[in-house]
């Protein structure tokens, strides 16, 4: 999906790419949501609605618009390799912002992924 989205973002604005992707997912997401709602009752509060709106509009929609624009600008292969650094960033922010604890394996694995990214980028050049 990301690869095709990156290709499309070269000719169509990123907001249209993600918008159409969301429309095309409706036949799967609506039945899935209805099934989930049958198992879990909805309790709408200002806090919950604000959270859902942020995840939908801010985090997902705007984030993917920027992501597709970046993929179109730097190229899909390079952007895909860059995305592999995301787990390391997630670890760093979870420790700094949320006070999460890490097992010794987590930073070692993240470092190994970064080494692999570096090696693949060097091999391409």
PDB file of N, CA and C in Angstrom:
ATOM      1  N   UNK A   1       0.805  -1.195   0.000  1.00  0.00           N
ATOM      2  CA  UNK A   1       0.000   0.000   0.000  1.00  0.00           C
ATOM      3  C   UNK A   1       0.850   1.262   0.000  1.00  0.00           C
ATOM      4  N   UNK A   2       1.899   1.274   0.819  1.00  0.00           N
ATOM      5  CA  UNK A   2       2.754   2.465   0.865  1.00  0.00           C
ATOM      6  C   UNK A   2       3.432   2.696  -0.476  1.00  0.00           C
ATOM      7  N   UNK A   3       3.877   1.621  -1.105  1.00  0.00           N
ATOM      8  CA  UNK A   3       4.576   1.762  -2.379  1.00  0.00           C
ATOM      9  C   UNK A   3       3.662   2.359  -3.432  1.00  0.00           C
ATOM     10  N   UNK A   4       2.474   1.823  -3.537  1.00  0.00           N
ATOM     11  CA  UNK A   4       1.530   2.362  -4.526  1.00  0.00           C
ATOM     12  C   UNK A   4       1.138   3.785  -4.170  1.00  0.00           C
ATOM     13  N   UNK A   5       0.954   4.054  -2.888  1.00  0.00           N
ATOM     14  CA  UNK A   5       0.642   5.416  -2.453  1.00  0.00           C
ATOM     15  C   UNK A   5       1.755   6.384  -2.805  1.00  0.00           C
ATOM     16  N   UNK A   6       2.990   5.952  -2.636  1.00  0.00           N
ATOM     17  CA  UNK A   6       4.128   6.799  -3.010  1.00  0.00           C
ATOM     18  C   UNK A   6       4.184   7.063  -4.501  1.00  0.00           C
ATOM     19  N   UNK A   7       3.870   6.048  -5.285  1.00  0.00           N
ATOM     20  CA  UNK A   7       3.836   6.241  -6.747  1.00  0.00           C
ATOM     21  C   UNK A   7       2.727   7.213  -7.142  1.00  0.00           C
ATOM     22  N   UNK A   8       1.553   7.021  -6.530  1.00  0.00           N
ATOM     23  CA  UNK A   8       0.438   7.909  -6.843  1.00  0.00           C
ATOM     24  C   UNK A   8       0.709   9.340  -6.411  1.00  0.00           C
ATOM     25  N   UNK A   9       1.429   9.511  -5.292  1.00  0.00           N
ATOM     26  CA  UNK A   9       1.705  10.850  -4.775  1.00  0.00           C
ATOM     27  C   UNK A   9       2.602  11.657  -5.709  1.00  0.00           C
ATOM     28  N   UNK A  10       3.221  11.002  -6.660  1.00  0.00           N
ATOM     29  CA  UNK A  10       4.022  11.734  -7.654  1.00  0.00           C
ATOM     30  C   UNK A  10       3.132  12.496  -8.631  1.00  0.00           C
ATOM     31  N   UNK A  11       1.891  12.015  -8.814  1.00  0.00           N
ATOM     32  CA  UNK A  11       1.002  12.639  -9.803  1.00  0.00           C
ATOM     33  C   UNK A  11      -0.278  13.205  -9.192  1.00  0.00           C
ATOM     34  N   UNK A  12      -0.616  12.788  -7.981  1.00  0.00           N
ATOM     35  CA  UNK A  12      -1.839  13.231  -7.302  1.00  0.00           C
ATOM     36  C   UNK A  12      -1.429  13.744  -5.917  1.00  0.00           C
ATOM     37  N   UNK A  13      -2.007  14.827  -5.438  1.00  0.00           N
ATOM     38  CA  UNK A  13      -1.658  15.299  -4.096  1.00  0.00           C
ATOM     39  C   UNK A  13      -1.871  14.220  -3.038  1.00  0.00           C
ATOM     40  N   UNK A  14      -1.014  14.238  -2.011  1.00  0.00           N
ATOM     41  CA  UNK A  14      -1.061  13.219  -0.967  1.00  0.00           C
ATOM     42  C   UNK A  14      -2.403  13.110  -0.270  1.00  0.00           C
ATOM     43  N   UNK A  15      -3.085  14.239  -0.069  1.00  0.00           N
ATOM     44  CA  UNK A  15      -4.383  14.186   0.619  1.00  0.00           C
ATOM     45  C   UNK A  15      -5.403  13.425  -0.212  1.00  0.00           C
ATOM     46  N   UNK A  16      -5.282  13.481  -1.542  1.00  0.00           N
ATOM     47  CA  UNK A  16      -6.198  12.715  -2.384  1.00  0.00           C
ATOM     48  C   UNK A  16      -5.852  11.230  -2.357  1.00  0.00           C
ATOM     49  N   UNK A  17      -4.560  10.916  -2.288  1.00  0.00           N
ATOM     50  CA  UNK A  17      -4.142   9.517  -2.221  1.00  0.00           C
ATOM     51  C   UNK A  17      -4.728   8.865  -0.975  1.00  0.00           C
ATOM     52  N   UNK A  18      -4.524   9.494   0.192  1.00  0.00           N
ATOM     53  CA  UNK A  18      -5.028   8.893   1.423  1.00  0.00           C
ATOM     54  C   UNK A  18      -6.548   8.940   1.470  1.00  0.00           C
ATOM     55  N   UNK A  19      -7.142  10.005   0.942  1.00  0.00           N
ATOM     56  CA  UNK A  19      -8.604  10.097   0.913  1.00  0.00           C
ATOM     57  C   UNK A  19      -9.234   8.960   0.120  1.00  0.00           C
ATOM     58  N   UNK A  20      -8.694   8.681  -1.045  1.00  0.00           N
ATOM     59  CA  UNK A  20      -9.233   7.585  -1.853  1.00  0.00           C
ATOM     60  C   UNK A  20      -8.943   6.230  -1.217  1.00  0.00           C
ATOM     61  N   UNK A  21      -7.800   6.100  -0.574  1.00  0.00           N
ATOM     62  CA  UNK A  21      -7.501   4.844   0.115  1.00  0.00           C
ATOM     63  C   UNK A  21      -8.528   4.592   1.218  1.00  0.00           C
ATOM     64  N   UNK A  22      -8.893   5.640   1.926  1.00  0.00           N
ATOM     65  CA  UNK A  22      -9.896   5.491   2.987  1.00  0.00           C
ATOM     66  C   UNK A  22     -11.261   5.135   2.415  1.00  0.00           C
ATOM     67  N   UNK A  23     -11.635   5.764   1.314  1.00  0.00           N
ATOM     68  CA  UNK A  23     -12.922   5.463   0.678  1.00  0.00           C
ATOM     69  C   UNK A  23     -12.952   4.006   0.212  1.00  0.00           C
ATOM     70  N   UNK A  24     -11.852   3.553  -0.380  1.00  0.00           N
ATOM     71  CA  UNK A  24     -11.802   2.179  -0.879  1.00  0.00           C
ATOM     72  C   UNK A  24     -11.799   1.146   0.254  1.00  0.00           C
ATOM     73  N   UNK A  25     -11.380   1.558   1.451  1.00  0.00           N
ATOM     74  CA  UNK A  25     -11.384   0.643   2.606  1.00  0.00           C
ATOM     75  C   UNK A  25     -12.738   0.564   3.294  1.00  0.00           C
ATOM     76  N   UNK A  26     -13.656   1.461   2.966  1.00  0.00           N
ATOM     77  CA  UNK A  26     -14.961   1.475   3.638  1.00  0.00           C
ATOM     78  C   UNK A  26     -15.701   0.133   3.589  1.00  0.00           C
ATOM     79  N   UNK A  27     -15.709  -0.586   2.463  1.00  0.00           N
ATOM     80  CA  UNK A  27     -16.433  -1.869   2.456  1.00  0.00           C
ATOM     81  C   UNK A  27     -15.902  -2.875   3.482  1.00  0.00           C
ATOM     82  N   UNK A  28     -14.664  -2.751   3.891  1.00  0.00           N
ATOM     83  CA  UNK A  28     -14.120  -3.628   4.928  1.00  0.00           C
ATOM     84  C   UNK A  28     -14.250  -3.019   6.320  1.00  0.00           C
ATOM     85  N   UNK A  29     -14.004  -1.728   6.426  1.00  0.00           N
ATOM     86  CA  UNK A  29     -13.968  -1.109   7.753  1.00  0.00           C
ATOM     87  C   UNK A  29     -15.346  -0.925   8.368  1.00  0.00           C
ATOM     88  N   UNK A  30     -16.367  -0.635   7.572  1.00  0.00           N
ATOM     89  CA  UNK A  30     -17.710  -0.446   8.140  1.00  0.00           C
ATOM     90  C   UNK A  30     -18.247  -1.751   8.741  1.00  0.00           C
ATOM     91  N   UNK A  31     -18.233  -2.876   8.024  1.00  0.00           N
ATOM     92  CA  UNK A  31     -18.684  -4.115   8.668  1.00  0.00           C
ATOM     93  C   UNK A  31     -17.834  -4.487   9.888  1.00  0.00           C
ATOM     94  N   UNK A  32     -16.537  -4.274   9.795  1.00  0.00           N
ATOM     95  CA  UNK A  32     -15.671  -4.559  10.935  1.00  0.00           C
ATOM     96  C   UNK A  32     -16.027  -3.712  12.149  1.00  0.00           C
ATOM     97  N   UNK A  33     -16.314  -2.437  11.913  1.00  0.00           N
ATOM     98  CA  UNK A  33     -16.708  -1.551  13.011  1.00  0.00           C
ATOM     99  C   UNK A  33     -18.049  -1.974  13.600  1.00  0.00           C
ATOM    100  N   UNK A  34     -18.979  -2.364  12.750  1.00  0.00           N
ATOM    101  CA  UNK A  34     -20.287  -2.796  13.251  1.00  0.00           C
ATOM    102  C   UNK A  34     -20.170  -4.067  14.098  1.00  0.00           C
ATOM    103  N   UNK A  35     -19.336  -4.990  13.666  1.00  0.00           N
ATOM    104  CA  UNK A  35     -19.125  -6.210  14.443  1.00  0.00           C
ATOM    105  C   UNK A  35     -18.475  -5.861  15.789  1.00  0.00           C
ATOM    106  N   UNK A  36     -17.461  -5.000  15.762  1.00  0.00           N
ATOM    107  CA  UNK A  36     -16.792  -4.606  17.004  1.00  0.00           C
ATOM    108  C   UNK A  36     -17.748  -3.892  17.946  1.00  0.00           C
ATOM    109  N   UNK A  37     -18.611  -3.046  17.400  1.00  0.00           N
ATOM    110  CA  UNK A  37     -19.569  -2.317  18.236  1.00  0.00           C
ATOM    111  C   UNK A  37     -20.584  -3.251  18.883  1.00  0.00           C
ATOM    112  N   UNK A  38     -20.868  -4.367  18.250  1.00  0.00           N
ATOM    113  CA  UNK A  38     -21.815  -5.303  18.845  1.00  0.00           C
ATOM    114  C   UNK A  38     -21.230  -5.990  20.079  1.00  0.00           C
ATOM    115  N   UNK A  39     -19.909  -6.032  20.180  1.00  0.00           N
ATOM    116  CA  UNK A  39     -19.259  -6.656  21.328  1.00  0.00           C
ATOM    117  C   UNK A  39     -18.891  -5.653  22.424  1.00  0.00           C
ATOM    118  N   UNK A  40     -18.738  -4.421  22.056  1.00  0.00           N
ATOM    119  CA  UNK A  40     -18.276  -3.403  22.996  1.00  0.00           C
ATOM    120  C   UNK A  40     -19.195  -2.193  22.931  1.00  0.00           C
ATOM    121  N   UNK A  41     -19.872  -1.871  24.009  1.00  0.00           N
ATOM    122  CA  UNK A  41     -20.777  -0.715  23.976  1.00  0.00           C
ATOM    123  C   UNK A  41     -20.002   0.594  23.841  1.00  0.00           C
ATOM    124  N   UNK A  42     -20.635   1.564  23.220  1.00  0.00           N
ATOM    125  CA  UNK A  42     -20.020   2.870  23.007  1.00  0.00           C
ATOM    126  C   UNK A  42     -20.423   3.806  24.128  1.00  0.00           C
ATOM    127  N   UNK A  43     -19.452   4.461  24.699  1.00  0.00           N
ATOM    128  CA  UNK A  43     -19.702   5.494  25.705  1.00  0.00           C
ATOM    129  C   UNK A  43     -19.026   6.765  25.228  1.00  0.00           C
ATOM    130  N   UNK A  44     -19.786   7.603  24.563  1.00  0.00           N
ATOM    131  CA  UNK A  44     -19.225   8.829  24.012  1.00  0.00           C
ATOM    132  C   UNK A  44     -19.020   9.867  25.115  1.00  0.00           C
ATOM    133  N   UNK A  45     -17.783  10.331  25.210  1.00  0.00           N
ATOM    134  CA  UNK A  45     -17.456  11.452  26.083  1.00  0.00           C
ATOM    135  C   UNK A  45     -16.669  12.439  25.251  1.00  0.00           C
ATOM    136  N   UNK A  46     -16.529  13.647  25.737  1.00  0.00           N
ATOM    137  CA  UNK A  46     -15.736  14.650  25.012  1.00  0.00           C
ATOM    138  C   UNK A  46     -14.302  14.158  24.838  1.00  0.00           C
ATOM    139  N   UNK A  47     -13.778  13.517  25.847  1.00  0.00           N
ATOM    140  CA  UNK A  47     -12.401  13.011  25.787  1.00  0.00           C
ATOM    141  C   UNK A  47     -12.255  11.916  24.733  1.00  0.00           C
ATOM    142  N   UNK A  48     -13.196  10.979  24.680  1.00  0.00           N
ATOM    143  CA  UNK A  48     -13.093   9.885  23.715  1.00  0.00           C
ATOM    144  C   UNK A  48     -13.284  10.378  22.283  1.00  0.00           C
ATOM    145  N   UNK A  49     -14.233  11.283  22.081  1.00  0.00           N
ATOM    146  CA  UNK A  49     -14.471  11.825  20.731  1.00  0.00           C
ATOM    147  C   UNK A  49     -13.262  12.626  20.267  1.00  0.00           C
ATOM    148  N   UNK A  50     -12.700  13.433  21.155  1.00  0.00           N
ATOM    149  CA  UNK A  50     -11.500  14.201  20.806  1.00  0.00           C
ATOM    150  C   UNK A  50     -10.352  13.268  20.438  1.00  0.00           C
ATOM    151  N   UNK A  51     -10.195  12.183  21.189  1.00  0.00           N
ATOM    152  CA  UNK A  51      -9.135  11.227  20.890  1.00  0.00           C
ATOM    153  C   UNK A  51      -9.302  10.573  19.543  1.00  0.00           C
ATOM    154  N   UNK A  52     -10.515  10.160  19.227  1.00  0.00           N
ATOM    155  CA  UNK A  52     -10.772   9.523  17.933  1.00  0.00           C
ATOM    156  C   UNK A  52     -10.561  10.520  16.794  1.00  0.00           C
ATOM    157  N   UNK A  53     -11.024  11.741  16.970  1.00  0.00           N
ATOM    158  CA  UNK A  53     -10.831  12.756  15.928  1.00  0.00           C
ATOM    159  C   UNK A  53      -9.348  13.046  15.707  1.00  0.00           C
ATOM    160  N   UNK A  54      -8.574  13.107  16.789  1.00  0.00           N
ATOM    161  CA  UNK A  54      -7.142  13.348  16.638  1.00  0.00           C
ATOM    162  C   UNK A  54      -6.477  12.195  15.890  1.00  0.00           C
ATOM    163  N   UNK A  55      -6.786  10.973  16.279  1.00  0.00           N
ATOM    164  CA  UNK A  55      -6.172   9.820  15.617  1.00  0.00           C
ATOM    165  C   UNK A  55      -6.549   9.791  14.139  1.00  0.00           C
ATOM    166  N   UNK A  56      -7.823  10.056  13.841  1.00  0.00           N
ATOM    167  CA  UNK A  56      -8.288  10.000  12.456  1.00  0.00           C
ATOM    168  C   UNK A  56      -7.744  11.151  11.628  1.00  0.00           C
ATOM    169  N   UNK A  57      -7.938  12.374  12.102  1.00  0.00           N
ATOM    170  CA  UNK A  57      -7.591  13.551  11.291  1.00  0.00           C
ATOM    171  C   UNK A  57      -6.119  13.919  11.421  1.00  0.00           C
ATOM    172  N   UNK A  58      -5.651  14.046  12.626  1.00  0.00           N
ATOM    173  CA  UNK A  58      -4.291  14.530  12.824  1.00  0.00           C
ATOM    174  C   UNK A  58      -3.241  13.476  12.592  1.00  0.00           C
ATOM    175  N   UNK A  59      -3.281  12.460  13.400  1.00  0.00           N
ATOM    176  CA  UNK A  59      -2.237  11.453  13.366  1.00  0.00           C
ATOM    177  C   UNK A  59      -2.226  10.675  12.057  1.00  0.00           C
ATOM    178  N   UNK A  60      -3.366  10.189  11.630  1.00  0.00           N
ATOM    179  CA  UNK A  60      -3.406   9.342  10.446  1.00  0.00           C
ATOM    180  C   UNK A  60      -3.462  10.140   9.142  1.00  0.00           C
ATOM    181  N   UNK A  61      -4.488  10.944   8.967  1.00  0.00           N
ATOM    182  CA  UNK A  61      -4.681  11.623   7.687  1.00  0.00           C
ATOM    183  C   UNK A  61      -3.534  12.586   7.390  1.00  0.00           C
ATOM    184  N   UNK A  62      -3.273  13.529   8.304  1.00  0.00           N
ATOM    185  CA  UNK A  62      -2.212  14.506   8.049  1.00  0.00           C
ATOM    186  C   UNK A  62      -0.838  13.850   8.024  1.00  0.00           C
ATOM    187  N   UNK A  63      -0.641  12.860   8.901  1.00  0.00           N
ATOM    188  CA  UNK A  63       0.636  12.157   8.891  1.00  0.00           C
ATOM    189  C   UNK A  63       0.900  11.439   7.585  1.00  0.00           C
ATOM    190  N   UNK A  64      -0.123  10.800   7.046  1.00  0.00           N
ATOM    191  CA  UNK A  64       0.052  10.093   5.773  1.00  0.00           C
ATOM    192  C   UNK A  64       0.192  11.047   4.592  1.00  0.00           C
ATOM    193  N   UNK A  65      -0.449  12.200   4.659  1.00  0.00           N
ATOM    194  CA  UNK A  65      -0.257  13.196   3.600  1.00  0.00           C
ATOM    195  C   UNK A  65       1.216  13.589   3.527  1.00  0.00           C
ATOM    196  N   UNK A  66       1.809  13.872   4.676  1.00  0.00           N
ATOM    197  CA  UNK A  66       3.226  14.236   4.719  1.00  0.00           C
ATOM    198  C   UNK A  66       4.100  13.054   4.308  1.00  0.00           C
ATOM    199  N   UNK A  67       3.739  11.856   4.773  1.00  0.00           N
ATOM    200  CA  UNK A  67       4.515  10.661   4.430  1.00  0.00           C
ATOM    201  C   UNK A  67       4.529  10.431   2.921  1.00  0.00           C
ATOM    202  N   UNK A  68       3.381  10.502   2.279  1.00  0.00           N
ATOM    203  CA  UNK A  68       3.334  10.288   0.832  1.00  0.00           C
ATOM    204  C   UNK A  68       4.098  11.373   0.083  1.00  0.00           C
ATOM    205  N   UNK A  69       4.031  12.587   0.565  1.00  0.00           N
ATOM    206  CA  UNK A  69       4.787  13.667  -0.073  1.00  0.00           C
ATOM    207  C   UNK A  69       6.286  13.392   0.037  1.00  0.00           C
ATOM    208  N   UNK A  70       6.703  12.925   1.215  1.00  0.00           N
ATOM    209  CA  UNK A  70       8.108  12.580   1.398  1.00  0.00           C
ATOM    210  C   UNK A  70       8.533  11.421   0.523  1.00  0.00           C
ATOM    211  N   UNK A  71       7.683  10.411   0.405  1.00  0.00           N
ATOM    212  CA  UNK A  71       8.004   9.277  -0.458  1.00  0.00           C
ATOM    213  C   UNK A  71       8.154   9.716  -1.908  1.00  0.00           C
ATOM    214  N   UNK A  72       7.267  10.605  -2.332  1.00  0.00           N
ATOM    215  CA  UNK A  72       7.358  11.095  -3.705  1.00  0.00           C
ATOM    216  C   UNK A  72       8.632  11.907  -3.910  1.00  0.00           C
ATOM    217  N   UNK A  73       9.061  12.628  -2.873  1.00  0.00           N
ATOM    218  CA  UNK A  73      10.233  13.501  -2.998  1.00  0.00           C
ATOM    219  C   UNK A  73      11.549  12.724  -2.955  1.00  0.00           C
ATOM    220  N   UNK A  74      11.709  11.784  -1.996  1.00  0.00           N
ATOM    221  CA  UNK A  74      13.003  11.114  -1.846  1.00  0.00           C
ATOM    222  C   UNK A  74      13.055   9.746  -2.493  1.00  0.00           C
ATOM    223  N   UNK A  75      11.919   9.252  -2.930  1.00  0.00           N
ATOM    224  CA  UNK A  75      11.880   7.944  -3.566  1.00  0.00           C
ATOM    225  C   UNK A  75      11.377   6.875  -2.616  1.00  0.00           C
ATOM    226  N   UNK A  76      10.663   5.943  -3.165  1.00  0.00           N
ATOM    227  CA  UNK A  76      10.017   4.905  -2.366  1.00  0.00           C
ATOM    228  C   UNK A  76      11.039   4.004  -1.663  1.00  0.00           C
ATOM    229  N   UNK A  77      12.093   3.527  -2.336  1.00  0.00           N
ATOM    230  CA  UNK A  77      13.033   2.639  -1.629  1.00  0.00           C
ATOM    231  C   UNK A  77      13.705   3.314  -0.432  1.00  0.00           C
ATOM    232  N   UNK A  78      14.136   4.555  -0.606  1.00  0.00           N
ATOM    233  CA  UNK A  78      14.815   5.248   0.484  1.00  0.00           C
ATOM    234  C   UNK A  78      13.846   5.529   1.631  1.00  0.00           C
ATOM    235  N   UNK A  79      12.623   5.914   1.296  1.00  0.00           N
ATOM    236  CA  UNK A  79      11.623   6.180   2.336  1.00  0.00           C
ATOM    237  C   UNK A  79      11.276   4.911   3.094  1.00  0.00           C
ATOM    238  N   UNK A  80      11.210   3.789   2.395  1.00  0.00           N
ATOM    239  CA  UNK A  80      10.910   2.520   3.048  1.00  0.00           C
ATOM    240  C   UNK A  80      11.997   2.146   4.042  1.00  0.00           C
ATOM    241  N   UNK A  81      13.246   2.370   3.675  1.00  0.00           N
ATOM    242  CA  UNK A  81      14.351   2.101   4.594  1.00  0.00           C
ATOM    243  C   UNK A  81      14.303   3.049   5.789  1.00  0.00           C
ATOM    244  N   UNK A  82      13.974   4.297   5.538  1.00  0.00           N
ATOM    245  CA  UNK A  82      13.869   5.281   6.612  1.00  0.00           C
ATOM    246  C   UNK A  82      12.787   4.885   7.610  1.00  0.00           C
ATOM    247  N   UNK A  83      11.716   4.316   7.123  1.00  0.00           N
ATOM    248  CA  UNK A  83      10.616   3.919   7.997  1.00  0.00           C
ATOM    249  C   UNK A  83      11.040   2.831   8.976  1.00  0.00           C
ATOM    250  N   UNK A  84      12.049   2.066   8.625  1.00  0.00           N
ATOM    251  CA  UNK A  84      12.533   1.026   9.527  1.00  0.00           C
ATOM    252  C   UNK A  84      13.143   1.606  10.796  1.00  0.00           C
ATOM    253  N   UNK A  85      13.498   2.886  10.780  1.00  0.00           N
ATOM    254  CA  UNK A  85      14.034   3.540  11.981  1.00  0.00           C
ATOM    255  C   UNK A  85      12.933   3.890  12.972  1.00  0.00           C
ATOM    256  N   UNK A  86      11.693   3.767  12.584  1.00  0.00           N
ATOM    257  CA  UNK A  86      10.575   4.145  13.447  1.00  0.00           C
ATOM    258  C   UNK A  86      10.564   3.400  14.784  1.00  0.00           C
ATOM    259  N   UNK A  87      10.855   2.097  14.844  1.00  0.00           N
ATOM    260  CA  UNK A  87      10.853   1.434  16.162  1.00  0.00           C
ATOM    261  C   UNK A  87      11.840   2.063  17.145  1.00  0.00           C
ATOM    262  N   UNK A  88      13.001   2.479  16.658  1.00  0.00           N
ATOM    263  CA  UNK A  88      13.964   3.125  17.549  1.00  0.00           C
ATOM    264  C   UNK A  88      13.398   4.434  18.087  1.00  0.00           C
ATOM    265  N   UNK A  89      12.804   5.217  17.202  1.00  0.00           N
ATOM    266  CA  UNK A  89      12.207   6.472  17.645  1.00  0.00           C
ATOM    267  C   UNK A  89      11.071   6.223  18.632  1.00  0.00           C
ATOM    268  N   UNK A  90      10.303   5.181  18.406  1.00  0.00           N
ATOM    269  CA  UNK A  90       9.226   4.834  19.331  1.00  0.00           C
ATOM    270  C   UNK A  90       9.788   4.488  20.700  1.00  0.00           C
ATOM    271  N   UNK A  91      10.875   3.737  20.734  1.00  0.00           N
ATOM    272  CA  UNK A  91      11.510   3.409  22.010  1.00  0.00           C
ATOM    273  C   UNK A  91      11.990   4.668  22.732  1.00  0.00           C
ATOM    274  N   UNK A  92      12.662   5.540  22.001  1.00  0.00           N
ATOM    275  CA  UNK A  92      13.197   6.767  22.609  1.00  0.00           C
ATOM    276  C   UNK A  92      12.074   7.620  23.182  1.00  0.00           C
ATOM    277  N   UNK A  93      11.030   7.851  22.390  1.00  0.00           N
ATOM    278  CA  UNK A  93       9.934   8.704  22.862  1.00  0.00           C
ATOM    279  C   UNK A  93       9.145   8.049  23.988  1.00  0.00           C
ATOM    280  N   UNK A  94       9.002   6.728  23.957  1.00  0.00           N
ATOM    281  CA  UNK A  94       8.263   6.071  25.043  1.00  0.00           C
ATOM    282  C   UNK A  94       9.017   6.183  26.365  1.00  0.00           C
ATOM    283  N   UNK A  95      10.342   6.157  26.312  1.00  0.00           N
ATOM    284  CA  UNK A  95      11.139   6.322  27.530  1.00  0.00           C
ATOM    285  C   UNK A  95      11.102   7.777  27.988  1.00  0.00           C
ATOM    286  N   UNK A  96      11.335   8.709  27.063  1.00  0.00           N
ATOM    287  CA  UNK A  96      11.416  10.119  27.435  1.00  0.00           C
ATOM    288  C   UNK A  96      10.068  10.713  27.837  1.00  0.00           C
ATOM    289  N   UNK A  97       9.028  10.387  27.100  1.00  0.00           N
ATOM    290  CA  UNK A  97       7.729  11.016  27.358  1.00  0.00           C
ATOM    291  C   UNK A  97       6.845  10.242  28.319  1.00  0.00           C
ATOM    292  N   UNK A  98       6.938   8.916  28.288  1.00  0.00           N
ATOM    293  CA  UNK A  98       6.024   8.100  29.083  1.00  0.00           C
ATOM    294  C   UNK A  98       6.687   7.396  30.258  1.00  0.00           C
ATOM    295  N   UNK A  99       8.007   7.505  30.357  1.00  0.00           N
ATOM    296  CA  UNK A  99       8.716   6.851  31.453  1.00  0.00           C
ATOM    297  C   UNK A  99       8.718   5.336  31.360  1.00  0.00           C
ATOM    298  N   UNK A 100       8.584   4.797  30.172  1.00  0.00           N
ATOM    299  CA  UNK A 100       8.572   3.343  29.987  1.00  0.00           C
ATOM    300  C   UNK A 100       9.943   2.750  30.307  1.00  0.00           C
ATOM    301  N   UNK A 101       9.932   1.537  30.788  1.00  0.00           N
ATOM    302  CA  UNK A 101      11.173   0.808  31.009  1.00  0.00           C
ATOM    303  C   UNK A 101      11.471  -0.072  29.811  1.00  0.00           C
ATOM    304  N   UNK A 102      12.739  -0.318  29.591  1.00  0.00           N
ATOM    305  CA  UNK A 102      13.145  -1.138  28.448  1.00  0.00           C
ATOM    306  C   UNK A 102      13.855  -2.393  28.924  1.00  0.00           C
ATOM    307  N   UNK A 103      13.602  -3.485  28.227  1.00  0.00           N
ATOM    308  CA  UNK A 103      14.406  -4.684  28.449  1.00  0.00           C
ATOM    309  C   UNK A 103      15.711  -4.492  27.691  1.00  0.00           C
ATOM    310  N   UNK A 104      16.759  -5.199  28.050  1.00  0.00           N
ATOM    311  CA  UNK A 104      18.029  -5.051  27.316  1.00  0.00           C
ATOM    312  C   UNK A 104      17.901  -5.400  25.832  1.00  0.00           C
ATOM    313  N   UNK A 105      16.962  -6.285  25.484  1.00  0.00           N
ATOM    314  CA  UNK A 105      16.834  -6.702  24.080  1.00  0.00           C
ATOM    315  C   UNK A 105      16.281  -5.583  23.190  1.00  0.00           C
ATOM    316  N   UNK A 106      15.466  -4.694  23.736  1.00  0.00           N
ATOM    317  CA  UNK A 106      14.824  -3.672  22.900  1.00  0.00           C
ATOM    318  C   UNK A 106      15.830  -2.724  22.244  1.00  0.00           C
ATOM    319  N   UNK A 107      16.717  -2.065  22.995  1.00  0.00           N
ATOM    320  CA  UNK A 107      17.675  -1.188  22.320  1.00  0.00           C
ATOM    321  C   UNK A 107      18.667  -1.940  21.439  1.00  0.00           C
ATOM    322  N   UNK A 108      19.014  -3.177  21.832  1.00  0.00           N
ATOM    323  CA  UNK A 108      19.925  -3.959  20.991  1.00  0.00           C
ATOM    324  C   UNK A 108      19.281  -4.290  19.646  1.00  0.00           C
ATOM    325  N   UNK A 109      18.022  -4.646  19.674  1.00  0.00           N
ATOM    326  CA  UNK A 109      17.308  -4.950  18.434  1.00  0.00           C
ATOM    327  C   UNK A 109      17.166  -3.692  17.580  1.00  0.00           C
ATOM    328  N   UNK A 110      16.833  -2.584  18.206  1.00  0.00           N
ATOM    329  CA  UNK A 110      16.708  -1.323  17.467  1.00  0.00           C
ATOM    330  C   UNK A 110      18.050  -0.940  16.832  1.00  0.00           C
ATOM    331  N   UNK A 111      19.139  -1.109  17.574  1.00  0.00           N
ATOM    332  CA  UNK A 111      20.464  -0.807  17.024  1.00  0.00           C
ATOM    333  C   UNK A 111      20.788  -1.727  15.847  1.00  0.00           C
ATOM    334  N   UNK A 112      20.419  -2.998  15.952  1.00  0.00           N
ATOM    335  CA  UNK A 112      20.658  -3.932  14.847  1.00  0.00           C
ATOM    336  C   UNK A 112      19.887  -3.512  13.602  1.00  0.00           C
ATOM    337  N   UNK A 113      18.653  -3.043  13.780  1.00  0.00           N
ATOM    338  CA  UNK A 113      17.863  -2.560  12.640  1.00  0.00           C
ATOM    339  C   UNK A 113      18.542  -1.352  12.008  1.00  0.00           C
ATOM    340  N   UNK A 114      19.037  -0.425  12.831  1.00  0.00           N
ATOM    341  CA  UNK A 114      19.735   0.746  12.289  1.00  0.00           C
ATOM    342  C   UNK A 114      20.994   0.362  11.525  1.00  0.00           C
ATOM    343  N   UNK A 115      21.725  -0.618  12.016  1.00  0.00           N
ATOM    344  CA  UNK A 115      22.919  -1.095  11.304  1.00  0.00           C
ATOM    345  C   UNK A 115      22.510  -1.661   9.945  1.00  0.00           C
ATOM    346  N   UNK A 116      21.436  -2.445   9.916  1.00  0.00           N
ATOM    347  CA  UNK A 116      20.946  -3.008   8.646  1.00  0.00           C
ATOM    348  C   UNK A 116      20.530  -1.903   7.681  1.00  0.00           C
ATOM    349  N   UNK A 117      19.865  -0.881   8.184  1.00  0.00           N
ATOM    350  CA  UNK A 117      19.474   0.247   7.332  1.00  0.00           C
ATOM    351  C   UNK A 117      20.716   0.898   6.746  1.00  0.00           C
ATOM    352  N   UNK A 118      21.706   1.147   7.601  1.00  0.00           N
ATOM    353  CA  UNK A 118      22.947   1.763   7.121  1.00  0.00           C
ATOM    354  C   UNK A 118      23.635   0.922   6.066  1.00  0.00           C
ATOM    355  N   UNK A 119      23.678  -0.387   6.281  1.00  0.00           N
ATOM    356  CA  UNK A 119      24.332  -1.276   5.314  1.00  0.00           C
ATOM    357  C   UNK A 119      23.595  -1.293   3.981  1.00  0.00           C
ATOM    358  N   UNK A 120      22.267  -1.333   4.027  1.00  0.00           N
ATOM    359  CA  UNK A 120      21.518  -1.346   2.758  1.00  0.00           C
ATOM    360  C   UNK A 120      21.647  -0.024   2.026  1.00  0.00           C
ATOM    361  N   UNK A 121      21.693   1.077   2.746  1.00  0.00           N
ATOM    362  CA  UNK A 121      21.845   2.385   2.101  1.00  0.00           C
ATOM    363  C   UNK A 121      23.246   2.510   1.481  1.00  0.00           C
ATOM    364  N   UNK A 122      24.242   1.999   2.190  1.00  0.00           N
ATOM    365  CA  UNK A 122      25.616   2.054   1.667  1.00  0.00           C
ATOM    366  C   UNK A 122      25.750   1.169   0.443  1.00  0.00           C
ATOM    367  N   UNK A 123      25.117  -0.001   0.469  1.00  0.00           N
ATOM    368  CA  UNK A 123      25.204  -0.938  -0.656  1.00  0.00           C
ATOM    369  C   UNK A 123      24.541  -0.372  -1.910  1.00  0.00           C
ATOM    370  N   UNK A 124      23.511   0.440  -1.710  1.00  0.00           N
ATOM    371  CA  UNK A 124      22.819   1.033  -2.862  1.00  0.00           C
ATOM    372  C   UNK A 124      23.697   2.075  -3.552  1.00  0.00           C
ATOM    373  N   UNK A 125      24.537   2.736  -2.767  1.00  0.00           N
ATOM    374  CA  UNK A 125      25.334   3.851  -3.312  1.00  0.00           C
ATOM    375  C   UNK A 125      26.569   3.374  -3.924  1.00  0.00           C
TER     376      UNK A 125
END
